[in-house]
Amino acid sequence: MGITKRLELDVEFKSALESKTKILSAVTEVTDGQAESGIAATDVLLARNKGP
């Protein structure tokens, strides 16, 4: 059993590869409200801190 299930967390892991030609941006997904958090380079934290 994984840690997310053990802790009863509702987690969905989403690949950045939407298709062979399209890569999703963690920054865009978070700032557009499509995700609550994203894992990427520091650009996610810097963009979130900067605001809209």
Protein backbone atom coordinates (compact mmCIF):
# COMPACT_ATOMS: atom_id res chain seq x y z
CA MET A 1 0.00 0.00 0.00
CA GLY A 2 1.38 3.41 -0.97
CA ILE A 3 1.78 6.30 1.40
CA THR A 4 -1.03 8.34 -0.20
CA LYS A 5 -3.48 5.51 0.32
CA ARG A 6 -2.26 4.82 3.86
CA LEU A 7 -2.73 8.48 4.78
CA GLU A 8 -6.06 8.58 2.92
CA LEU A 9 -4.88 11.38 0.64
CA ASP A 10 -6.79 12.07 -2.56
CA VAL A 11 -3.87 12.43 -4.96
CA GLU A 12 -3.81 12.28 -8.74
CA PHE A 13 -0.49 12.12 -10.55
CA LYS A 14 -0.66 13.66 -13.99
CA SER A 15 1.98 13.30 -16.66
CA ALA A 16 3.35 16.44 -18.27
CA LEU A 17 3.22 14.63 -21.61
CA GLU A 18 -0.27 15.23 -22.97
CA SER A 19 0.64 13.88 -26.40
CA LYS A 20 3.77 13.25 -28.45
CA THR A 21 3.85 16.92 -29.39
CA LYS A 22 2.38 18.69 -26.34
CA ILE A 23 4.01 19.07 -22.94
CA LEU A 24 2.00 20.60 -20.10
CA SER A 25 3.52 23.35 -17.98
CA ALA A 26 3.27 22.78 -14.22
CA VAL A 27 3.18 26.57 -13.77
CA THR A 28 0.24 26.97 -16.15
CA GLU A 29 -1.65 24.04 -14.64
CA VAL A 30 -1.35 25.54 -11.12
CA THR A 31 -1.98 29.19 -12.04
CA ASP A 32 -4.98 28.25 -14.23
CA GLY A 33 -6.50 26.27 -11.37
CA GLN A 34 -6.18 22.89 -13.11
CA ALA A 35 -3.94 21.62 -10.29
CA GLU A 36 -3.43 22.52 -6.64
CA SER A 37 0.31 21.93 -6.83
CA GLY A 38 2.91 21.01 -9.37
CA ILE A 39 6.34 19.48 -9.39
CA ALA A 40 8.85 21.14 -11.64
CA ALA A 41 11.89 23.32 -11.36
CA THR A 42 11.78 26.40 -9.19
CA ASP A 43 9.69 28.16 -11.84
CA VAL A 44 6.50 26.90 -10.15
CA LEU A 45 7.38 28.48 -6.81
CA LEU A 46 8.66 31.70 -8.36
CA ALA A 47 5.57 32.12 -10.56
CA ARG A 48 3.20 31.39 -7.68
CA ASN A 49 4.99 33.90 -5.47
CA LYS A 50 4.91 36.54 -8.23
CA GLY A 51 1.12 36.30 -8.56
CA PRO A 52 -1.10 36.89 -11.61
